[in-house]
Amino acid sequence: MDQPPTNARQAVPFLGVTDLAASLRFYCDGLGFQVTNQWPDAGHPRWCWLQLGPVALMLQEFTPPPQGKGRPEGTLGLGVNTCILCNDALAIEREARARGLTAKEPFVGNGLWVVGYRDPDGYRIDFESPTDAPEETTLSQWLAQSGSRP
């Protein structure tokens, strides 16, 4: 079915974080995102725009009271999952592992390799890529059966 033209261009998750420096270590040093824009506050960035190829995320550190509302009540990240479709999710996993970041064990779900991480505030980020491997196969099972990386 043909889609009508739209003015919408991109959806960008905007995540409130408790420690922007820790989040930047996770997203940039661990996953390979780059800061392409930031808003400084007295020499300490509180907001930034991150890119990994065409994929973008925004992060903003909560403003402490009394200036702002501070961190919201409850568990951050609960129920928030950002899925990034890519050509090779397992390549992302290898690159992140080489940088010292560990994913949950990759597995196949809905015909996709799923490589999942939790950031320092509990937000879930999954990298996914198509595969012919059977549903619910884990990477360790795949490697044991095939002897090589998919």
Protein backbone atom coordinates (compact mmCIF):
# COMPACT_ATOMS: atom_id res chain seq x y z
CA MET A 1 0.00 0.00 0.00
CA ASP A 2 1.37 3.42 -0.94
CA GLN A 3 2.02 5.82 1.90
CA PRO A 4 0.82 9.41 1.51
CA PRO A 5 3.55 12.04 1.63
CA THR A 6 4.32 13.35 5.10
CA ASN A 7 6.16 16.19 6.70
CA ALA A 8 7.69 13.93 9.39
CA ARG A 9 11.38 13.17 8.88
CA GLN A 10 12.88 11.42 11.89
CA ALA A 11 12.05 10.11 15.36
CA VAL A 12 14.78 10.81 17.92
CA PRO A 13 14.57 9.32 21.43
CA PHE A 14 15.18 12.01 24.07
CA LEU A 15 16.41 10.39 27.29
CA GLY A 16 16.65 12.10 30.66
CA VAL A 17 19.81 10.91 32.43
CA THR A 18 21.20 11.28 35.95
CA ASP A 19 24.90 11.58 34.96
CA LEU A 20 25.61 12.81 31.44
CA ALA A 21 29.32 11.95 31.69
CA ALA A 22 28.51 8.30 32.54
CA SER A 23 25.95 8.16 29.72
CA LEU A 24 28.46 9.57 27.24
CA ARG A 25 31.01 6.93 28.26
CA PHE A 26 28.38 4.25 27.58
CA TYR A 27 27.04 5.61 24.28
CA CYS A 28 30.23 7.10 22.81
CA ASP A 29 33.12 5.11 24.29
CA GLY A 30 31.12 1.85 24.40
CA LEU A 31 28.72 1.89 21.46
CA GLY A 32 30.54 4.27 19.11
CA PHE A 33 28.08 7.19 18.99
CA GLN A 34 29.52 10.66 18.41
CA VAL A 35 28.43 13.94 20.00
CA THR A 36 27.40 16.20 17.13
CA ASN A 37 25.79 18.99 19.18
CA GLN A 38 25.66 19.95 22.83
CA TRP A 39 24.34 22.61 25.13
CA PRO A 40 26.90 23.71 27.70
CA ASP A 41 25.93 24.90 31.16
CA ALA A 42 28.76 26.65 33.01
CA GLY A 43 31.30 24.54 31.09
CA HIS A 44 29.48 21.28 31.84
CA PRO A 45 27.28 20.01 28.98
CA ARG A 46 23.79 19.09 30.16
CA TRP A 47 22.24 18.23 26.79
CA CYS A 48 23.70 16.60 23.71
CA TRP A 49 22.75 15.13 20.34
CA LEU A 50 24.45 11.82 19.50
CA GLN A 51 24.83 10.17 16.09
CA LEU A 52 25.76 6.68 14.96
CA GLY A 53 25.50 6.90 11.19
CA PRO A 54 21.93 8.05 10.49
CA VAL A 55 20.72 7.05 14.00
CA ALA A 56 20.30 9.85 16.55
CA LEU A 57 19.64 10.08 20.30
CA MET A 58 19.33 13.10 22.58
CA LEU A 59 20.45 12.98 26.20
CA GLN A 60 19.79 15.57 28.87
CA GLU A 61 20.94 15.55 32.45
CA PHE A 62 18.17 16.27 34.95
CA THR A 63 18.33 19.75 36.47
CA PRO A 64 18.76 19.49 40.24
CA PRO A 65 16.25 21.29 42.46
CA PRO A 66 15.54 24.12 43.17
CA GLN A 67 16.20 25.30 39.57
CA GLY A 68 14.48 22.34 37.95
CA LYS A 69 12.29 19.41 38.74
CA GLY A 70 15.25 17.08 39.29
CA ARG A 71 15.09 13.36 38.72
CA PRO A 72 11.54 12.00 38.44
CA GLU A 73 10.14 9.50 40.91
CA GLY A 74 10.45 5.80 40.09
CA THR A 75 12.80 3.73 38.00
CA LEU A 76 14.32 5.41 34.96
CA GLY A 77 14.28 3.42 31.75
CA LEU A 78 11.49 1.11 32.86
CA GLY A 79 9.53 0.16 29.75
CA VAL A 80 11.70 2.24 27.39
CA ASN A 81 13.35 0.26 24.59
CA THR A 82 15.03 1.81 21.56
CA CYS A 83 15.48 -0.63 18.66
CA ILE A 84 18.08 0.25 16.06
CA LEU A 85 17.82 -1.72 12.83
CA CYS A 86 21.20 -2.28 11.24
CA ASN A 87 22.92 -4.38 8.60
CA ASP A 88 24.94 -6.42 11.11
CA ALA A 89 23.99 -6.24 14.79
CA LEU A 90 26.70 -8.76 15.65
CA ALA A 91 29.34 -6.40 14.23
CA ILE A 92 28.06 -3.74 16.65
CA GLU A 93 28.38 -6.29 19.47
CA ARG A 94 31.99 -7.17 18.48
CA GLU A 95 32.98 -3.49 18.23
CA ALA A 96 31.36 -2.64 21.58
CA ARG A 97 32.98 -5.67 23.24
CA ALA A 98 36.38 -4.54 21.91
CA ARG A 99 35.70 -1.20 23.65
CA GLY A 100 34.91 -3.00 26.93
CA LEU A 101 31.08 -3.02 26.80
CA THR A 102 29.22 -6.28 27.37
CA ALA A 103 25.81 -7.05 25.87
CA LYS A 104 23.27 -9.59 27.01
CA GLU A 105 23.89 -12.73 24.96
CA PRO A 106 22.70 -12.02 21.40
CA PHE A 107 19.73 -14.12 20.30
CA VAL A 108 17.33 -14.47 17.38
CA GLY A 109 13.87 -12.97 17.79
CA ASN A 110 11.36 -12.31 15.01
CA GLY A 111 13.93 -13.25 12.35
CA LEU A 112 16.47 -10.76 13.72
CA TRP A 113 19.71 -11.01 15.67
CA VAL A 114 19.05 -8.94 18.81
CA VAL A 115 22.00 -7.43 20.66
CA GLY A 116 20.74 -5.76 23.84
CA TYR A 117 22.28 -3.31 26.28
CA ARG A 118 21.10 -1.31 29.31
CA ASP A 119 22.55 2.17 29.71
CA PRO A 120 23.59 3.58 33.11
CA ASP A 121 20.02 4.77 33.80
CA GLY A 122 18.37 1.49 32.78
CA TYR A 123 17.20 2.48 29.29
CA ARG A 124 17.30 -0.52 26.97
CA ILE A 125 18.91 -0.20 23.55
CA ASP A 126 18.78 -3.08 21.06
CA PHE A 127 20.65 -3.41 17.77
CA GLU A 128 18.86 -5.76 15.38
CA SER A 129 19.66 -7.26 11.97
CA PRO A 130 17.99 -9.88 9.73
CA THR A 131 19.09 -13.51 9.94
CA ASP A 132 18.07 -16.95 8.70
CA ALA A 133 19.10 -18.55 11.99
CA PRO A 134 16.24 -20.32 13.81
CA GLU A 135 14.10 -18.40 16.30
CA GLU A 136 15.47 -18.19 19.85
CA THR A 137 18.95 -19.33 18.80
CA THR A 138 21.60 -17.72 20.99
CA LEU A 139 24.95 -16.62 19.63
CA SER A 140 26.78 -19.28 21.65
CA GLN A 141 24.47 -21.97 20.19
CA TRP A 142 25.02 -20.60 16.68
CA LEU A 143 28.80 -20.58 17.12
CA ALA A 144 28.80 -24.14 18.51
CA GLN A 145 26.74 -25.39 15.55
CA SER A 146 28.42 -23.47 12.74
CA GLY A 147 31.93 -22.93 14.03
CA SER A 148 31.95 -19.39 12.59
CA ARG A 149 30.27 -16.06 13.16
CA PRO A 150 27.04 -15.41 11.24
